[in-house]
N, C-alpha and C. Protein backbone atom coordinates (compact mmCIF):
# COMPACT_ATOMS: atom_id res chain seq x y z
N MET A 1 0.84 -1.20 0.00
CA MET A 1 0.00 0.00 0.00
C MET A 1 0.88 1.26 0.00
N ILE A 2 1.92 1.25 0.84
CA ILE A 2 2.83 2.39 0.91
C ILE A 2 3.53 2.59 -0.42
N LEU A 3 3.96 1.47 -1.06
CA LEU A 3 4.63 1.54 -2.35
C LEU A 3 3.69 2.13 -3.40
N PHE A 4 2.44 1.70 -3.36
CA PHE A 4 1.45 2.21 -4.32
C PHE A 4 1.27 3.72 -4.14
N GLN A 5 1.20 4.18 -2.89
CA GLN A 5 1.02 5.60 -2.62
C GLN A 5 2.23 6.42 -3.11
N ARG A 6 3.45 5.84 -2.90
CA ARG A 6 4.65 6.53 -3.36
C ARG A 6 4.67 6.62 -4.89
N MET A 7 4.28 5.52 -5.56
CA MET A 7 4.24 5.52 -7.02
C MET A 7 3.22 6.52 -7.54
N ALA A 8 2.07 6.57 -6.88
CA ALA A 8 1.02 7.50 -7.29
C ALA A 8 1.50 8.95 -7.13
N GLY A 9 2.20 9.20 -6.01
CA GLY A 9 2.73 10.53 -5.76
C GLY A 9 3.76 10.93 -6.80
N LEU A 10 4.62 9.96 -7.18
CA LEU A 10 5.64 10.22 -8.19
C LEU A 10 5.00 10.52 -9.54
N MET A 11 3.99 9.75 -9.91
CA MET A 11 3.31 9.96 -11.18
C MET A 11 2.64 11.33 -11.22
N CYS A 12 2.04 11.71 -10.10
CA CYS A 12 1.38 13.01 -10.00
C CYS A 12 2.40 14.15 -10.18
N ALA A 13 3.56 14.00 -9.54
CA ALA A 13 4.61 15.01 -9.65
C ALA A 13 5.12 15.13 -11.08
N LEU A 14 5.28 13.96 -11.74
CA LEU A 14 5.75 13.95 -13.12
C LEU A 14 4.75 14.63 -14.05
N LEU A 15 3.46 14.35 -13.84
CA LEU A 15 2.42 14.96 -14.66
C LEU A 15 2.39 16.46 -14.47
N LEU A 16 2.54 16.92 -13.22
CA LEU A 16 2.54 18.35 -12.95
C LEU A 16 3.75 19.04 -13.58
N ALA A 17 4.90 18.38 -13.52
CA ALA A 17 6.12 18.94 -14.11
C ALA A 17 5.99 19.03 -15.62
N THR A 18 5.43 17.96 -16.21
CA THR A 18 5.24 17.94 -17.66
C THR A 18 4.26 19.02 -18.07
N SER A 19 3.19 19.16 -17.31
CA SER A 19 2.17 20.17 -17.62
C SER A 19 2.75 21.57 -17.54
N ALA A 20 3.61 21.80 -16.55
CA ALA A 20 4.19 23.12 -16.37
C ALA A 20 5.14 23.47 -17.50
N ALA A 21 5.85 22.43 -18.02
CA ALA A 21 6.84 22.67 -19.07
C ALA A 21 6.20 22.75 -20.45
N ALA A 22 5.03 22.16 -20.59
CA ALA A 22 4.40 22.08 -21.90
C ALA A 22 3.77 23.42 -22.29
N GLN A 23 3.58 23.60 -23.59
CA GLN A 23 2.89 24.78 -24.07
C GLN A 23 1.39 24.67 -23.77
N ASP A 24 0.78 25.80 -23.47
CA ASP A 24 -0.66 25.80 -23.24
C ASP A 24 -1.43 25.62 -24.54
N VAL A 25 -0.88 26.16 -25.63
CA VAL A 25 -1.53 26.05 -26.94
C VAL A 25 -0.63 25.21 -27.84
N ARG A 26 -1.02 23.97 -28.03
CA ARG A 26 -0.23 23.04 -28.82
C ARG A 26 -0.81 22.91 -30.22
N ILE A 27 -0.05 22.31 -31.12
CA ILE A 27 -0.55 22.04 -32.47
C ILE A 27 -1.55 20.89 -32.41
N THR A 28 -1.15 19.81 -31.77
CA THR A 28 -2.07 18.71 -31.45
C THR A 28 -1.77 18.29 -30.01
N THR A 29 -2.51 17.35 -29.48
CA THR A 29 -2.32 16.92 -28.10
C THR A 29 -0.88 16.55 -27.81
N PHE A 30 -0.22 15.90 -28.76
CA PHE A 30 1.13 15.40 -28.52
C PHE A 30 2.19 16.11 -29.36
N LYS A 31 1.87 17.29 -29.88
CA LYS A 31 2.82 17.98 -30.77
C LYS A 31 2.87 19.46 -30.42
N ASP A 32 4.02 19.90 -29.89
CA ASP A 32 4.21 21.31 -29.54
C ASP A 32 4.50 22.18 -30.76
N ASP A 33 5.33 21.65 -31.68
CA ASP A 33 5.77 22.45 -32.82
C ASP A 33 6.02 21.56 -34.02
N SER A 34 6.29 22.21 -35.13
CA SER A 34 6.61 21.52 -36.38
C SER A 34 7.90 22.12 -36.92
N THR A 35 8.88 21.28 -37.20
CA THR A 35 10.18 21.76 -37.69
C THR A 35 10.48 21.14 -39.04
N PHE A 36 10.97 21.97 -39.95
CA PHE A 36 11.36 21.48 -41.27
C PHE A 36 12.53 22.30 -41.78
N THR A 37 13.15 21.81 -42.83
CA THR A 37 14.35 22.44 -43.38
C THR A 37 14.15 22.74 -44.86
N LEU A 38 14.58 23.93 -45.28
CA LEU A 38 14.53 24.32 -46.69
C LEU A 38 15.84 24.99 -47.03
N ASN A 39 16.55 24.43 -48.02
CA ASN A 39 17.84 24.99 -48.46
C ASN A 39 18.80 25.23 -47.30
N GLY A 40 18.85 24.27 -46.39
CA GLY A 40 19.77 24.35 -45.27
C GLY A 40 19.32 25.23 -44.13
N ARG A 41 18.17 25.87 -44.25
CA ARG A 41 17.63 26.73 -43.20
C ARG A 41 16.51 26.00 -42.47
N THR A 42 16.56 26.03 -41.15
CA THR A 42 15.55 25.34 -40.35
C THR A 42 14.45 26.31 -39.92
N PHE A 43 13.21 25.88 -40.09
CA PHE A 43 12.05 26.66 -39.69
C PHE A 43 11.29 25.90 -38.61
N THR A 44 10.77 26.63 -37.64
CA THR A 44 9.94 26.02 -36.60
C THR A 44 8.61 26.76 -36.54
N VAL A 45 7.53 25.99 -36.63
CA VAL A 45 6.18 26.55 -36.56
C VAL A 45 5.55 26.15 -35.23
N THR A 46 5.04 27.13 -34.51
CA THR A 46 4.30 26.88 -33.27
C THR A 46 2.98 27.63 -33.36
N ARG A 47 2.22 27.59 -32.26
CA ARG A 47 0.99 28.38 -32.19
C ARG A 47 1.18 29.51 -31.20
N ASP A 48 0.48 30.61 -31.44
CA ASP A 48 0.50 31.75 -30.53
C ASP A 48 0.03 31.30 -29.15
N GLN A 49 0.83 31.59 -28.12
CA GLN A 49 0.48 31.16 -26.76
C GLN A 49 -0.49 32.11 -26.06
N ASN A 50 -0.82 33.21 -26.70
CA ASN A 50 -1.78 34.16 -26.13
C ASN A 50 -3.20 33.69 -26.43
N THR A 51 -3.86 33.12 -25.43
CA THR A 51 -5.19 32.56 -25.66
C THR A 51 -6.26 33.64 -25.81
N ALA A 52 -5.89 34.89 -25.65
CA ALA A 52 -6.83 35.98 -25.88
C ALA A 52 -6.63 36.64 -27.24
N ALA A 53 -5.71 36.12 -28.04
CA ALA A 53 -5.39 36.74 -29.33
C ALA A 53 -6.57 36.64 -30.29
N THR A 54 -6.70 37.64 -31.13
CA THR A 54 -7.73 37.65 -32.18
C THR A 54 -7.09 38.09 -33.48
N LEU A 55 -7.75 37.81 -34.59
CA LEU A 55 -7.24 38.25 -35.88
C LEU A 55 -7.30 39.76 -35.98
N GLN A 56 -6.29 40.32 -36.65
CA GLN A 56 -6.21 41.76 -36.82
C GLN A 56 -6.10 42.08 -38.31
N GLY A 57 -6.39 43.33 -38.64
CA GLY A 57 -6.19 43.80 -40.01
C GLY A 57 -7.11 43.13 -41.01
N ASP A 58 -6.62 43.01 -42.25
CA ASP A 58 -7.46 42.54 -43.35
C ASP A 58 -8.01 41.14 -43.13
N PHE A 59 -7.24 40.27 -42.46
CA PHE A 59 -7.69 38.90 -42.27
C PHE A 59 -8.77 38.76 -41.19
N ALA A 60 -9.08 39.86 -40.51
CA ALA A 60 -10.20 39.84 -39.56
C ALA A 60 -11.54 40.00 -40.27
N ARG A 61 -11.50 40.39 -41.52
CA ARG A 61 -12.73 40.59 -42.29
C ARG A 61 -13.41 39.26 -42.59
N THR A 62 -14.73 39.22 -42.43
CA THR A 62 -15.49 38.00 -42.72
C THR A 62 -16.17 38.05 -44.08
N SER A 63 -16.35 39.24 -44.63
CA SER A 63 -17.09 39.38 -45.89
C SER A 63 -16.35 40.25 -46.88
N ARG A 64 -16.29 39.76 -48.11
CA ARG A 64 -15.70 40.49 -49.22
C ARG A 64 -16.65 40.39 -50.40
N ALA A 65 -16.66 41.42 -51.24
CA ALA A 65 -17.57 41.45 -52.37
C ALA A 65 -17.33 40.25 -53.31
N CYS A 66 -18.39 39.61 -53.69
CA CYS A 66 -18.33 38.47 -54.62
C CYS A 66 -19.25 38.76 -55.81
N PRO A 67 -18.72 38.78 -57.06
CA PRO A 67 -17.32 38.61 -57.38
C PRO A 67 -16.49 39.84 -57.03
N PRO A 68 -15.14 39.67 -56.94
CA PRO A 68 -14.36 38.47 -57.30
C PRO A 68 -14.10 37.53 -56.13
N ASN A 69 -14.39 37.97 -54.90
CA ASN A 69 -13.98 37.18 -53.73
C ASN A 69 -15.09 36.22 -53.29
N CYS A 70 -15.30 35.19 -54.08
CA CYS A 70 -16.37 34.22 -53.81
C CYS A 70 -15.82 32.99 -53.10
N ILE A 71 -16.66 32.34 -52.31
CA ILE A 71 -16.24 31.13 -51.59
C ILE A 71 -15.86 30.05 -52.61
N GLN A 72 -14.69 29.45 -52.38
CA GLN A 72 -14.14 28.48 -53.32
C GLN A 72 -14.54 27.05 -52.97
N PRO A 73 -14.59 26.17 -53.97
CA PRO A 73 -14.94 24.77 -53.70
C PRO A 73 -13.87 24.06 -52.88
N MET A 74 -14.25 22.97 -52.26
CA MET A 74 -13.30 22.19 -51.47
C MET A 74 -12.26 21.50 -52.36
N ILE A 75 -12.68 21.10 -53.55
CA ILE A 75 -11.78 20.40 -54.47
C ILE A 75 -11.36 21.37 -55.57
N ALA A 76 -10.05 21.58 -55.69
CA ALA A 76 -9.54 22.52 -56.71
C ALA A 76 -9.66 21.93 -58.11
N ALA A 77 -9.37 20.64 -58.25
CA ALA A 77 -9.42 19.96 -59.55
C ALA A 77 -9.35 18.46 -59.29
N THR A 78 -9.79 17.68 -60.23
CA THR A 78 -9.78 16.23 -60.09
C THR A 78 -8.35 15.73 -59.85
N GLY A 79 -8.19 14.93 -58.81
CA GLY A 79 -6.89 14.34 -58.52
C GLY A 79 -6.00 15.18 -57.65
N VAL A 80 -6.41 16.43 -57.34
CA VAL A 80 -5.62 17.33 -56.50
C VAL A 80 -6.14 17.23 -55.07
N ALA A 81 -5.26 16.86 -54.13
CA ALA A 81 -5.66 16.71 -52.73
C ALA A 81 -5.90 18.08 -52.10
N THR A 82 -6.87 18.14 -51.18
CA THR A 82 -7.12 19.36 -50.42
C THR A 82 -6.55 19.18 -49.02
N TYR A 83 -5.78 20.15 -48.57
CA TYR A 83 -5.09 20.06 -47.28
C TYR A 83 -5.67 21.02 -46.25
N GLY A 84 -5.57 20.59 -44.99
CA GLY A 84 -5.77 21.46 -43.85
C GLY A 84 -4.40 21.77 -43.26
N GLU A 85 -4.40 22.41 -42.11
CA GLU A 85 -3.14 22.87 -41.51
C GLU A 85 -2.20 21.71 -41.17
N LEU A 86 -2.73 20.62 -40.61
CA LEU A 86 -1.87 19.51 -40.22
C LEU A 86 -1.22 18.85 -41.44
N GLU A 87 -1.97 18.76 -42.53
CA GLU A 87 -1.41 18.19 -43.75
C GLU A 87 -0.32 19.10 -44.33
N VAL A 88 -0.53 20.42 -44.24
CA VAL A 88 0.51 21.35 -44.71
C VAL A 88 1.78 21.18 -43.88
N LEU A 89 1.62 21.09 -42.56
CA LEU A 89 2.79 20.89 -41.69
C LEU A 89 3.49 19.57 -42.02
N GLY A 90 2.71 18.52 -42.23
CA GLY A 90 3.29 17.23 -42.59
C GLY A 90 4.03 17.30 -43.91
N PHE A 91 3.48 18.03 -44.86
CA PHE A 91 4.13 18.22 -46.17
C PHE A 91 5.47 18.92 -46.00
N MET A 92 5.52 19.93 -45.15
CA MET A 92 6.77 20.66 -44.93
C MET A 92 7.80 19.80 -44.21
N GLU A 93 7.34 19.01 -43.25
CA GLU A 93 8.26 18.15 -42.49
C GLU A 93 8.86 17.05 -43.35
N THR A 94 8.13 16.62 -44.37
CA THR A 94 8.58 15.50 -45.20
C THR A 94 9.06 15.97 -46.57
N LYS A 95 8.14 16.35 -47.43
CA LYS A 95 8.49 16.69 -48.82
C LYS A 95 9.45 17.88 -48.91
N VAL A 96 9.15 18.95 -48.16
CA VAL A 96 10.01 20.14 -48.23
C VAL A 96 11.38 19.84 -47.66
N THR A 97 11.41 19.20 -46.49
CA THR A 97 12.69 18.86 -45.86
C THR A 97 13.52 17.93 -46.75
N ASP A 98 12.85 17.02 -47.46
CA ASP A 98 13.56 16.08 -48.34
C ASP A 98 13.98 16.71 -49.67
N GLY A 99 13.59 17.96 -49.90
CA GLY A 99 13.92 18.61 -51.16
C GLY A 99 13.05 18.18 -52.31
N ALA A 100 11.93 17.51 -51.99
CA ALA A 100 11.05 17.00 -53.04
C ALA A 100 9.78 17.83 -53.19
N GLY A 101 9.63 18.87 -52.38
CA GLY A 101 8.40 19.65 -52.43
C GLY A 101 8.62 21.11 -52.10
N LEU A 102 7.66 21.94 -52.52
CA LEU A 102 7.68 23.36 -52.22
C LEU A 102 6.27 23.82 -51.85
N LEU A 103 6.23 24.80 -50.97
CA LEU A 103 4.98 25.45 -50.59
C LEU A 103 4.90 26.75 -51.38
N LEU A 104 3.87 26.87 -52.23
CA LEU A 104 3.75 28.04 -53.10
C LEU A 104 2.68 28.99 -52.59
N ASP A 105 3.10 30.22 -52.29
CA ASP A 105 2.18 31.31 -51.98
C ASP A 105 1.96 32.04 -53.29
N VAL A 106 0.73 31.95 -53.83
CA VAL A 106 0.49 32.49 -55.17
C VAL A 106 -0.19 33.86 -55.12
N ARG A 107 -0.16 34.52 -53.96
CA ARG A 107 -0.67 35.89 -53.86
C ARG A 107 0.29 36.85 -54.55
N ASN A 108 -0.13 38.10 -54.68
CA ASN A 108 0.76 39.07 -55.31
C ASN A 108 1.93 39.37 -54.38
N PRO A 109 3.04 39.87 -54.92
CA PRO A 109 4.24 40.10 -54.11
C PRO A 109 4.03 41.03 -52.93
N ASP A 110 3.16 42.03 -53.07
CA ASP A 110 2.91 42.95 -51.97
C ASP A 110 2.28 42.23 -50.78
N ALA A 111 1.32 41.35 -51.07
CA ALA A 111 0.68 40.58 -50.00
C ALA A 111 1.68 39.62 -49.36
N PHE A 112 2.49 38.98 -50.19
CA PHE A 112 3.51 38.04 -49.68
C PHE A 112 4.48 38.75 -48.76
N ALA A 113 4.84 39.99 -49.11
CA ALA A 113 5.83 40.73 -48.34
C ALA A 113 5.34 41.08 -46.94
N THR A 114 4.02 41.15 -46.74
CA THR A 114 3.49 41.49 -45.42
C THR A 114 3.68 40.34 -44.45
N SER A 115 3.38 39.12 -44.88
CA SER A 115 3.61 37.91 -44.07
C SER A 115 3.22 36.69 -44.89
N SER A 116 3.82 35.56 -44.57
CA SER A 116 3.47 34.31 -45.25
C SER A 116 3.82 33.14 -44.34
N ILE A 117 3.48 31.96 -44.78
CA ILE A 117 3.83 30.75 -44.04
C ILE A 117 5.34 30.55 -44.14
N PRO A 118 6.02 30.22 -43.05
CA PRO A 118 7.47 30.02 -43.10
C PRO A 118 7.88 29.03 -44.19
N GLY A 119 8.89 29.42 -44.96
CA GLY A 119 9.40 28.55 -46.01
C GLY A 119 8.66 28.63 -47.33
N ALA A 120 7.56 29.39 -47.37
CA ALA A 120 6.80 29.50 -48.62
C ALA A 120 7.57 30.29 -49.66
N VAL A 121 7.37 29.93 -50.92
CA VAL A 121 7.99 30.62 -52.05
C VAL A 121 6.89 31.36 -52.80
N ASN A 122 7.13 32.62 -53.14
CA ASN A 122 6.13 33.42 -53.82
C ASN A 122 6.20 33.21 -55.33
N VAL A 123 5.15 32.60 -55.89
CA VAL A 123 5.00 32.45 -57.34
C VAL A 123 3.60 32.99 -57.66
N PRO A 124 3.46 34.28 -57.92
CA PRO A 124 2.14 34.87 -58.16
C PRO A 124 1.36 34.11 -59.22
N PHE A 125 0.07 33.92 -58.96
CA PHE A 125 -0.75 33.07 -59.83
C PHE A 125 -0.74 33.54 -61.28
N MET A 126 -0.64 34.86 -61.51
CA MET A 126 -0.68 35.36 -62.89
C MET A 126 0.57 34.97 -63.69
N THR A 127 1.66 34.60 -63.01
CA THR A 127 2.88 34.21 -63.73
C THR A 127 2.76 32.80 -64.31
N LEU A 128 1.72 32.07 -63.94
CA LEU A 128 1.57 30.69 -64.39
C LEU A 128 0.60 30.55 -65.56
N THR A 129 0.09 31.67 -66.07
CA THR A 129 -0.80 31.60 -67.23
C THR A 129 0.02 31.33 -68.48
N ASP A 130 -0.64 30.78 -69.50
CA ASP A 130 0.08 30.48 -70.75
C ASP A 130 0.44 31.76 -71.51
N GLU A 131 -0.08 32.90 -71.05
CA GLU A 131 0.27 34.17 -71.68
C GLU A 131 1.65 34.67 -71.23
N ASN A 132 2.16 34.12 -70.14
CA ASN A 132 3.47 34.52 -69.65
C ASN A 132 4.56 33.77 -70.42
N ARG A 133 5.34 34.49 -71.19
CA ARG A 133 6.36 33.81 -72.02
C ARG A 133 7.48 33.21 -71.19
N PHE A 134 7.51 33.53 -69.89
CA PHE A 134 8.53 32.95 -69.02
C PHE A 134 7.99 31.78 -68.18
N ARG A 135 6.76 31.34 -68.48
CA ARG A 135 6.18 30.27 -67.67
C ARG A 135 7.03 29.00 -67.69
N LYS A 136 7.56 28.66 -68.85
CA LYS A 136 8.38 27.45 -68.92
C LYS A 136 9.61 27.55 -68.03
N ASP A 137 10.16 28.74 -67.91
CA ASP A 137 11.31 28.93 -67.02
C ASP A 137 10.91 28.65 -65.57
N ILE A 138 9.72 29.09 -65.18
CA ILE A 138 9.23 28.82 -63.83
C ILE A 138 9.03 27.33 -63.63
N LEU A 139 8.44 26.68 -64.63
CA LEU A 139 8.19 25.23 -64.53
C LEU A 139 9.50 24.44 -64.47
N ARG A 140 10.51 24.91 -65.20
CA ARG A 140 11.82 24.27 -65.14
C ARG A 140 12.42 24.43 -63.74
N ALA A 141 12.22 25.60 -63.15
CA ALA A 141 12.72 25.83 -61.79
C ALA A 141 12.03 24.92 -60.79
N LEU A 142 10.83 24.48 -61.11
CA LEU A 142 10.08 23.56 -60.24
C LEU A 142 10.42 22.10 -60.53
N GLY A 143 11.33 21.87 -61.46
CA GLY A 143 11.81 20.51 -61.70
C GLY A 143 11.43 19.88 -63.01
N ALA A 144 10.64 20.57 -63.84
CA ALA A 144 10.31 20.04 -65.17
C ALA A 144 11.54 20.14 -66.07
N VAL A 145 11.62 19.23 -67.03
CA VAL A 145 12.73 19.25 -67.98
C VAL A 145 12.18 19.22 -69.40
N ASP A 146 12.95 19.75 -70.34
CA ASP A 146 12.51 19.79 -71.73
C ASP A 146 12.39 18.38 -72.29
N ALA A 147 11.34 18.19 -73.08
CA ALA A 147 11.11 16.90 -73.74
C ALA A 147 10.87 17.16 -75.22
N ALA A 148 10.56 16.09 -75.93
CA ALA A 148 10.36 16.21 -77.38
C ALA A 148 9.15 17.07 -77.71
N GLY A 149 9.21 17.73 -78.86
CA GLY A 149 8.05 18.47 -79.35
C GLY A 149 7.69 19.69 -78.53
N ASP A 150 8.67 20.36 -77.98
CA ASP A 150 8.44 21.59 -77.21
C ASP A 150 7.57 21.36 -75.98
N THR A 151 7.62 20.14 -75.45
CA THR A 151 6.86 19.82 -74.24
C THR A 151 7.81 19.71 -73.05
N LEU A 152 7.23 19.53 -71.88
CA LEU A 152 8.01 19.38 -70.66
C LEU A 152 7.71 18.04 -70.02
N ASP A 153 8.73 17.47 -69.42
CA ASP A 153 8.60 16.22 -68.69
C ASP A 153 8.58 16.55 -67.19
N PHE A 154 7.48 16.16 -66.51
CA PHE A 154 7.30 16.49 -65.10
C PHE A 154 7.59 15.30 -64.16
N THR A 155 8.25 14.28 -64.70
CA THR A 155 8.49 13.07 -63.91
C THR A 155 9.19 13.39 -62.59
N ASN A 156 10.19 14.24 -62.63
CA ASN A 156 10.95 14.57 -61.42
C ASN A 156 10.64 15.96 -60.88
N ALA A 157 9.52 16.51 -61.31
CA ALA A 157 9.12 17.83 -60.81
C ALA A 157 8.74 17.73 -59.34
N MET A 158 8.87 18.84 -58.63
CA MET A 158 8.57 18.88 -57.21
C MET A 158 7.07 18.73 -56.94
N SER A 159 6.75 18.17 -55.79
CA SER A 159 5.38 18.20 -55.31
C SER A 159 5.12 19.60 -54.77
N LEU A 160 3.93 20.13 -55.04
CA LEU A 160 3.62 21.50 -54.66
C LEU A 160 2.35 21.55 -53.81
N THR A 161 2.40 22.34 -52.74
CA THR A 161 1.19 22.69 -52.01
C THR A 161 0.96 24.17 -52.25
N VAL A 162 -0.23 24.50 -52.79
CA VAL A 162 -0.53 25.84 -53.27
C VAL A 162 -1.57 26.50 -52.37
N PHE A 163 -1.33 27.77 -52.02
CA PHE A 163 -2.31 28.49 -51.21
C PHE A 163 -2.34 29.96 -51.59
N SER A 164 -3.41 30.62 -51.16
CA SER A 164 -3.52 32.07 -51.36
C SER A 164 -4.08 32.70 -50.08
N GLY A 165 -4.99 33.67 -50.21
CA GLY A 165 -5.43 34.42 -49.03
C GLY A 165 -6.40 33.71 -48.12
N GLY A 166 -7.29 32.92 -48.68
CA GLY A 166 -8.30 32.25 -47.86
C GLY A 166 -9.34 31.57 -48.73
N VAL A 167 -10.40 31.08 -48.12
CA VAL A 167 -11.43 30.34 -48.87
C VAL A 167 -12.18 31.23 -49.85
N TRP A 168 -12.03 32.53 -49.72
CA TRP A 168 -12.68 33.49 -50.60
C TRP A 168 -11.82 33.88 -51.80
N SER A 169 -10.60 33.38 -51.86
CA SER A 169 -9.69 33.74 -52.94
C SER A 169 -9.59 32.63 -53.98
N SER A 170 -9.75 33.00 -55.24
CA SER A 170 -9.65 32.02 -56.33
C SER A 170 -8.22 31.89 -56.85
N ASP A 171 -7.28 32.64 -56.28
CA ASP A 171 -5.91 32.65 -56.81
C ASP A 171 -5.25 31.28 -56.81
N ALA A 172 -5.41 30.53 -55.71
CA ALA A 172 -4.77 29.21 -55.62
C ALA A 172 -5.37 28.24 -56.64
N ILE A 173 -6.70 28.26 -56.77
CA ILE A 173 -7.33 27.36 -57.74
C ILE A 173 -6.93 27.74 -59.16
N THR A 174 -6.86 29.05 -59.44
CA THR A 174 -6.41 29.50 -60.76
C THR A 174 -5.00 29.02 -61.04
N ALA A 175 -4.12 29.14 -60.05
CA ALA A 175 -2.74 28.69 -60.22
C ALA A 175 -2.68 27.19 -60.47
N ILE A 176 -3.44 26.43 -59.70
CA ILE A 176 -3.45 24.97 -59.87
C ILE A 176 -3.94 24.59 -61.27
N ASN A 177 -5.00 25.22 -61.73
CA ASN A 177 -5.51 24.88 -63.07
C ASN A 177 -4.54 25.30 -64.17
N ASN A 178 -3.81 26.38 -63.95
CA ASN A 178 -2.79 26.77 -64.92
C ASN A 178 -1.62 25.77 -64.93
N LEU A 179 -1.27 25.27 -63.76
CA LEU A 179 -0.22 24.25 -63.68
C LEU A 179 -0.67 22.97 -64.38
N LEU A 180 -1.91 22.59 -64.15
CA LEU A 180 -2.45 21.39 -64.80
C LEU A 180 -2.46 21.55 -66.33
N SER A 181 -2.86 22.73 -66.79
CA SER A 181 -2.92 22.96 -68.24
C SER A 181 -1.52 22.92 -68.86
N ALA A 182 -0.50 23.22 -68.05
CA ALA A 182 0.88 23.17 -68.54
C ALA A 182 1.43 21.75 -68.55
N GLY A 183 0.67 20.81 -67.96
CA GLY A 183 1.11 19.42 -67.92
C GLY A 183 1.51 18.91 -66.55
N TYR A 184 1.47 19.78 -65.54
CA TYR A 184 1.85 19.34 -64.19
C TYR A 184 0.90 18.24 -63.72
N PRO A 185 1.41 17.12 -63.21
CA PRO A 185 0.54 16.03 -62.78
C PRO A 185 -0.28 16.40 -61.55
N ALA A 186 -1.56 16.07 -61.56
CA ALA A 186 -2.44 16.37 -60.43
C ALA A 186 -1.94 15.72 -59.15
N ARG A 187 -1.34 14.54 -59.26
CA ARG A 187 -0.87 13.83 -58.07
C ARG A 187 0.27 14.56 -57.37
N LYS A 188 0.91 15.49 -58.08
CA LYS A 188 2.00 16.27 -57.48
C LYS A 188 1.53 17.61 -56.93
N LEU A 189 0.21 17.86 -56.97
CA LEU A 189 -0.33 19.13 -56.52
C LEU A 189 -1.28 18.95 -55.35
N SER A 190 -1.22 19.87 -54.40
CA SER A 190 -2.14 19.89 -53.26
C SER A 190 -2.62 21.33 -53.07
N TYR A 191 -3.84 21.44 -52.54
CA TYR A 191 -4.50 22.73 -52.38
C TYR A 191 -4.76 22.99 -50.91
N TYR A 192 -4.11 24.01 -50.36
CA TYR A 192 -4.41 24.44 -48.98
C TYR A 192 -5.52 25.48 -49.07
N ARG A 193 -6.74 25.04 -48.94
CA ARG A 193 -7.90 25.90 -49.19
C ARG A 193 -8.00 27.05 -48.20
N GLY A 194 -7.68 26.81 -46.94
CA GLY A 194 -7.83 27.85 -45.92
C GLY A 194 -6.89 29.01 -46.11
N GLY A 195 -5.71 28.78 -46.69
CA GLY A 195 -4.76 29.83 -46.97
C GLY A 195 -4.34 30.63 -45.75
N MET A 196 -3.89 31.85 -45.98
CA MET A 196 -3.34 32.67 -44.91
C MET A 196 -4.34 32.97 -43.81
N GLN A 197 -5.60 33.19 -44.17
CA GLN A 197 -6.58 33.54 -43.14
C GLN A 197 -6.77 32.39 -42.16
N ALA A 198 -6.87 31.16 -42.66
CA ALA A 198 -7.05 30.00 -41.77
C ALA A 198 -5.78 29.76 -40.95
N TRP A 199 -4.61 29.93 -41.59
CA TRP A 199 -3.33 29.74 -40.88
C TRP A 199 -3.22 30.69 -39.69
N LEU A 200 -3.57 31.95 -39.93
CA LEU A 200 -3.54 32.95 -38.85
C LEU A 200 -4.64 32.70 -37.82
N HIS A 201 -5.77 32.19 -38.29
CA HIS A 201 -6.90 31.99 -37.38
C HIS A 201 -6.59 30.98 -36.29
N VAL A 202 -5.70 30.01 -36.57
CA VAL A 202 -5.33 29.05 -35.54
C VAL A 202 -3.99 29.41 -34.89
N GLY A 203 -3.51 30.61 -35.15
CA GLY A 203 -2.35 31.14 -34.43
C GLY A 203 -1.02 30.54 -34.80
N LEU A 204 -0.87 30.05 -36.03
CA LEU A 204 0.41 29.44 -36.42
C LEU A 204 1.42 30.51 -36.84
N THR A 205 2.69 30.17 -36.71
CA THR A 205 3.79 31.08 -36.99
C THR A 205 3.75 31.59 -38.43
N VAL A 206 4.03 32.89 -38.60
CA VAL A 206 4.22 33.46 -39.93
C VAL A 206 5.61 34.08 -39.99
N GLN A 207 6.07 34.35 -41.19
CA GLN A 207 7.36 35.02 -41.35
C GLN A 207 7.17 36.30 -42.15
């Protein structure tokens, strides 16, 4: 009985110590942060520990004129996976860290300059249209290689997770459809529908 009481007391002390050391606002029950590497630089994503925090500025807005800011579908295109925050973090921890994937912020450069998801690369959606004579250069930078007949081979192209401002922005879907029209395989594309507004809404780190 005495041994049991001592063990119970020890377990209680350990739980209290763990609770004191742990973050109050975690990513999941068993995950404090998410760490990944891009081009030799390490990024760590956590959640804001201020439980009274609220959205500020433009992302606090709930309504925007439609058109052009209409609610977007859950599925960007056939074969393209739709991601939430945990899937984006998993993508960064695996594909990005392994050098096999990139997170594309397809908003305009001014919006990107204000803040973005750590490690994201800015490729504005309008640069991916077939009207841009430099589109092939962008696709080559993403891993496509020249093939016969003025086409591109995407066999070793990077996996991409594409996002924009939020569920009201069509920029990410437009970018994805432009990538598909260029020949990018749907299986290599993912759509983070919530975008910056959802990322900020759950208090995740921005850069």
